Amino acid sequence: MSSRLVSTMPTESHKDMAISFLKSASSGQVKQAYQDFVHDDFTHHNPYFQGDRQSLLDGMKKNAENFPNKKFEIKLALEEGDMVVIHGRVQIQENSPWIALVHIFRFLDHKIIEEWEVSQEVPVEMINKHGMF
């Protein structure tokens, strides 16, 4: 009988995990997304919440309850080392403006340990012929 080593390392890339986290959280599965992808010692840089894990989780859960039909789309995802950058957009409710987003994630032990985000409302009329996407 041969013995084999079984790897306990996740097979998903950090980029895949960040994408899965955002898709799950934006579709209302916030608690599960945090359980699956967010480190216990997570910190973030969202200026509207305290910088700890629980405050952002609570804020995201409340947002999911208030806007259960939001739409989220990823346009670009990049990974380098322990960092992932995702450029996308979200529409909170039907007929509301789209909001362009950039999420920056840092990973530790295959979990999101730190997150930054920036957002900007997408103007209805744009001078730039290339748009924001």
C-alpha atoms as a PDB file:
ATOM      1  CA  MET A   1       0.000   0.000   0.000  1.00  0.00           C
ATOM      2  CA  SER A   2       1.459   3.326  -0.993  1.00  0.00           C
ATOM      3  CA  SER A   3       1.098   6.403   1.112  1.00  0.00           C
ATOM      4  CA  ARG A   4       0.295   9.660  -0.571  1.00  0.00           C
ATOM      5  CA  LEU A   5       0.494  13.142   0.775  1.00  0.00           C
ATOM      6  CA  VAL A   6      -2.775  14.980   0.465  1.00  0.00           C
ATOM      7  CA  SER A   7      -2.406  18.685  -0.034  1.00  0.00           C
ATOM      8  CA  THR A   8      -4.447  20.897   2.258  1.00  0.00           C
ATOM      9  CA  MET A   9      -3.640  23.942   0.141  1.00  0.00           C
ATOM     10  CA  PRO A  10      -6.620  25.512  -1.641  1.00  0.00           C
ATOM     11  CA  THR A  11      -6.597  24.969  -5.372  1.00  0.00           C
ATOM     12  CA  GLU A  12      -8.246  28.320  -6.094  1.00  0.00           C
ATOM     13  CA  SER A  13      -6.045  31.293  -6.837  1.00  0.00           C
ATOM     14  CA  HIS A  14      -6.323  34.416  -4.706  1.00  0.00           C
ATOM     15  CA  LYS A  15      -8.011  36.055  -7.696  1.00  0.00           C
ATOM     16  CA  ASP A  16     -10.623  33.289  -7.869  1.00  0.00           C
ATOM     17  CA  MET A  17     -11.239  33.580  -4.118  1.00  0.00           C
ATOM     18  CA  ALA A  18     -11.652  37.382  -4.308  1.00  0.00           C
ATOM     19  CA  ILE A  19     -14.103  37.013  -7.200  1.00  0.00           C
ATOM     20  CA  SER A  20     -16.064  34.341  -5.324  1.00  0.00           C
ATOM     21  CA  PHE A  21     -16.142  36.540  -2.217  1.00  0.00           C
ATOM     22  CA  LEU A  22     -17.529  39.562  -4.095  1.00  0.00           C
ATOM     23  CA  LYS A  23     -20.082  37.522  -6.036  1.00  0.00           C
ATOM     24  CA  SER A  24     -21.319  35.749  -2.906  1.00  0.00           C
ATOM     25  CA  ALA A  25     -21.461  38.900  -0.791  1.00  0.00           C
ATOM     26  CA  SER A  26     -23.204  40.955  -3.485  1.00  0.00           C
ATOM     27  CA  SER A  27     -25.810  38.237  -3.997  1.00  0.00           C
ATOM     28  CA  GLY A  28     -26.822  38.337  -0.328  1.00  0.00           C
ATOM     29  CA  GLN A  29     -24.689  35.475   0.970  1.00  0.00           C
ATOM     30  CA  VAL A  30     -22.591  37.822   3.104  1.00  0.00           C
ATOM     31  CA  LYS A  31     -22.183  35.612   6.176  1.00  0.00           C
ATOM     32  CA  GLN A  32     -21.134  32.613   4.079  1.00  0.00           C
ATOM     33  CA  ALA A  33     -18.743  34.754   2.025  1.00  0.00           C
ATOM     34  CA  TYR A  34     -17.031  35.926   5.217  1.00  0.00           C
ATOM     35  CA  GLN A  35     -16.838  32.370   6.587  1.00  0.00           C
ATOM     36  CA  ASP A  36     -15.315  31.055   3.367  1.00  0.00           C
ATOM     37  CA  PHE A  37     -12.954  33.855   2.354  1.00  0.00           C
ATOM     38  CA  VAL A  38     -12.246  36.389   5.129  1.00  0.00           C
ATOM     39  CA  HIS A  39      -9.484  35.990   7.707  1.00  0.00           C
ATOM     40  CA  ASP A  40     -10.447  36.292  11.391  1.00  0.00           C
ATOM     41  CA  ASP A  41      -7.985  39.207  11.755  1.00  0.00           C
ATOM     42  CA  PHE A  42      -9.377  41.056   8.704  1.00  0.00           C
ATOM     43  CA  THR A  43      -9.078  44.841   8.521  1.00  0.00           C
ATOM     44  CA  HIS A  44     -10.431  47.227   5.913  1.00  0.00           C
ATOM     45  CA  HIS A  45     -10.246  50.847   4.810  1.00  0.00           C
ATOM     46  CA  ASN A  46     -13.912  51.665   4.120  1.00  0.00           C
ATOM     47  CA  PRO A  47     -14.400  55.158   5.605  1.00  0.00           C
ATOM     48  CA  TYR A  48     -18.051  54.513   6.518  1.00  0.00           C
ATOM     49  CA  PHE A  49     -17.403  51.668   8.992  1.00  0.00           C
ATOM     50  CA  GLN A  50     -15.011  50.893  11.822  1.00  0.00           C
ATOM     51  CA  GLY A  51     -11.922  49.111  10.494  1.00  0.00           C
ATOM     52  CA  ASP A  52     -12.722  45.689  11.946  1.00  0.00           C
ATOM     53  CA  ARG A  53     -14.138  42.525  10.419  1.00  0.00           C
ATOM     54  CA  GLN A  54     -17.492  42.547  12.242  1.00  0.00           C
ATOM     55  CA  SER A  55     -18.449  46.136  11.403  1.00  0.00           C
ATOM     56  CA  LEU A  56     -18.020  45.650   7.653  1.00  0.00           C
ATOM     57  CA  LEU A  57     -19.750  42.261   7.773  1.00  0.00           C
ATOM     58  CA  ASP A  58     -22.726  43.873   9.569  1.00  0.00           C
ATOM     59  CA  GLY A  59     -22.794  46.741   7.063  1.00  0.00           C
ATOM     60  CA  MET A  60     -22.708  44.372   4.113  1.00  0.00           C
ATOM     61  CA  LYS A  61     -25.496  42.233   5.620  1.00  0.00           C
ATOM     62  CA  LYS A  62     -27.672  45.316   6.102  1.00  0.00           C
ATOM     63  CA  ASN A  63     -26.961  46.441   2.524  1.00  0.00           C
ATOM     64  CA  ALA A  64     -27.949  42.975   1.247  1.00  0.00           C
ATOM     65  CA  GLU A  65     -31.217  43.160   3.201  1.00  0.00           C
ATOM     66  CA  ASN A  66     -32.002  46.675   1.952  1.00  0.00           C
ATOM     67  CA  PHE A  67     -31.051  45.981  -1.673  1.00  0.00           C
ATOM     68  CA  PRO A  68     -31.716  42.286  -2.395  1.00  0.00           C
ATOM     69  CA  ASN A  69     -31.852  42.779  -6.181  1.00  0.00           C
ATOM     70  CA  LYS A  70     -28.555  44.592  -6.667  1.00  0.00           C
ATOM     71  CA  LYS A  71     -26.500  43.763  -9.750  1.00  0.00           C
ATOM     72  CA  PHE A  72     -22.741  43.290  -9.601  1.00  0.00           C
ATOM     73  CA  GLU A  73     -20.398  42.799 -12.557  1.00  0.00           C
ATOM     74  CA  ILE A  74     -16.663  42.226 -12.662  1.00  0.00           C
ATOM     75  CA  LYS A  75     -14.856  43.837 -15.576  1.00  0.00           C
ATOM     76  CA  LEU A  76     -11.204  43.115 -14.733  1.00  0.00           C
ATOM     77  CA  ALA A  77      -9.320  41.101 -12.100  1.00  0.00           C
ATOM     78  CA  LEU A  78      -5.566  41.110 -11.561  1.00  0.00           C
ATOM     79  CA  GLU A  79      -3.384  39.135  -9.164  1.00  0.00           C
ATOM     80  CA  GLU A  80       0.192  39.713  -8.105  1.00  0.00           C
ATOM     81  CA  GLY A  81       1.633  37.849  -5.151  1.00  0.00           C
ATOM     82  CA  ASP A  82      -0.678  38.234  -2.179  1.00  0.00           C
ATOM     83  CA  MET A  83      -2.599  41.140  -3.771  1.00  0.00           C
ATOM     84  CA  VAL A  84      -5.717  41.098  -5.966  1.00  0.00           C
ATOM     85  CA  VAL A  85      -7.342  44.088  -7.685  1.00  0.00           C
ATOM     86  CA  ILE A  86     -10.869  43.863  -9.037  1.00  0.00           C
ATOM     87  CA  HIS A  87     -12.473  46.546 -11.209  1.00  0.00           C
ATOM     88  CA  GLY A  88     -16.221  46.227 -11.515  1.00  0.00           C
ATOM     89  CA  ARG A  89     -19.534  47.934 -11.155  1.00  0.00           C
ATOM     90  CA  VAL A  90     -22.650  47.652  -9.030  1.00  0.00           C
ATOM     91  CA  GLN A  91     -26.214  48.845  -9.437  1.00  0.00           C
ATOM     92  CA  ILE A  92     -27.963  48.981  -6.072  1.00  0.00           C
ATOM     93  CA  GLN A  93     -31.491  48.903  -7.452  1.00  0.00           C
ATOM     94  CA  GLU A  94     -33.293  49.058 -10.794  1.00  0.00           C
ATOM     95  CA  ASN A  95     -32.959  52.488 -12.447  1.00  0.00           C
ATOM     96  CA  SER A  96     -30.320  53.711  -9.986  1.00  0.00           C
ATOM     97  CA  PRO A  97     -26.987  54.779 -11.456  1.00  0.00           C
ATOM     98  CA  TRP A  98     -24.219  52.246 -11.828  1.00  0.00           C
ATOM     99  CA  ILE A  99     -21.269  52.736  -9.481  1.00  0.00           C
ATOM    100  CA  ALA A 100     -17.752  51.916 -10.648  1.00  0.00           C
ATOM    101  CA  LEU A 101     -15.729  50.029  -8.025  1.00  0.00           C
ATOM    102  CA  VAL A 102     -12.150  49.061  -7.425  1.00  0.00           C
ATOM    103  CA  HIS A 103     -11.477  46.539  -4.666  1.00  0.00           C
ATOM    104  CA  ILE A 104      -7.932  45.797  -3.558  1.00  0.00           C
ATOM    105  CA  PHE A 105      -7.450  42.681  -1.446  1.00  0.00           C
ATOM    106  CA  ARG A 106      -4.409  41.425   0.446  1.00  0.00           C
ATOM    107  CA  PHE A 107      -4.314  37.732   1.350  1.00  0.00           C
ATOM    108  CA  LEU A 108      -2.743  35.857   4.253  1.00  0.00           C
ATOM    109  CA  ASP A 109      -3.070  32.110   4.769  1.00  0.00           C
ATOM    110  CA  HIS A 110      -5.392  31.903   1.732  1.00  0.00           C
ATOM    111  CA  LYS A 111      -7.906  34.320   3.274  1.00  0.00           C
ATOM    112  CA  ILE A 112      -8.587  38.018   2.728  1.00  0.00           C
ATOM    113  CA  ILE A 113      -6.725  39.827   5.516  1.00  0.00           C
ATOM    114  CA  GLU A 114      -7.058  43.429   4.287  1.00  0.00           C
ATOM    115  CA  GLU A 115      -9.265  45.317   1.832  1.00  0.00           C
ATOM    116  CA  TRP A 116      -9.394  48.765   0.254  1.00  0.00           C
ATOM    117  CA  GLU A 117     -12.148  50.041  -2.009  1.00  0.00           C
ATOM    118  CA  VAL A 118     -12.885  53.101  -4.071  1.00  0.00           C
ATOM    119  CA  SER A 119     -16.108  53.949  -5.857  1.00  0.00           C
ATOM    120  CA  GLN A 120     -17.459  56.515  -8.262  1.00  0.00           C
ATOM    121  CA  GLU A 121     -20.916  56.968  -9.703  1.00  0.00           C
ATOM    122  CA  VAL A 122     -20.972  56.382 -13.435  1.00  0.00           C
ATOM    123  CA  PRO A 123     -22.243  59.572 -15.113  1.00  0.00           C
ATOM    124  CA  VAL A 124     -25.198  59.224 -17.460  1.00  0.00           C
ATOM    125  CA  GLU A 125     -23.429  61.368 -20.051  1.00  0.00           C
ATOM    126  CA  MET A 126     -19.674  61.077 -20.502  1.00  0.00           C
ATOM    127  CA  ILE A 127     -17.265  63.185 -22.477  1.00  0.00           C
ATOM    128  CA  ASN A 128     -14.815  60.295 -22.734  1.00  0.00           C
ATOM    129  CA  LYS A 129     -15.863  58.140 -25.693  1.00  0.00           C
ATOM    130  CA  HIS A 130     -14.267  55.061 -24.055  1.00  0.00           C
ATOM    131  CA  GLY A 131     -16.435  55.274 -20.925  1.00  0.00           C
ATOM    132  CA  MET A 132     -15.385  53.916 -17.557  1.00  0.00           C
ATOM    133  CA  PHE A 133     -15.250  50.290 -18.678  1.00  0.00           C
END
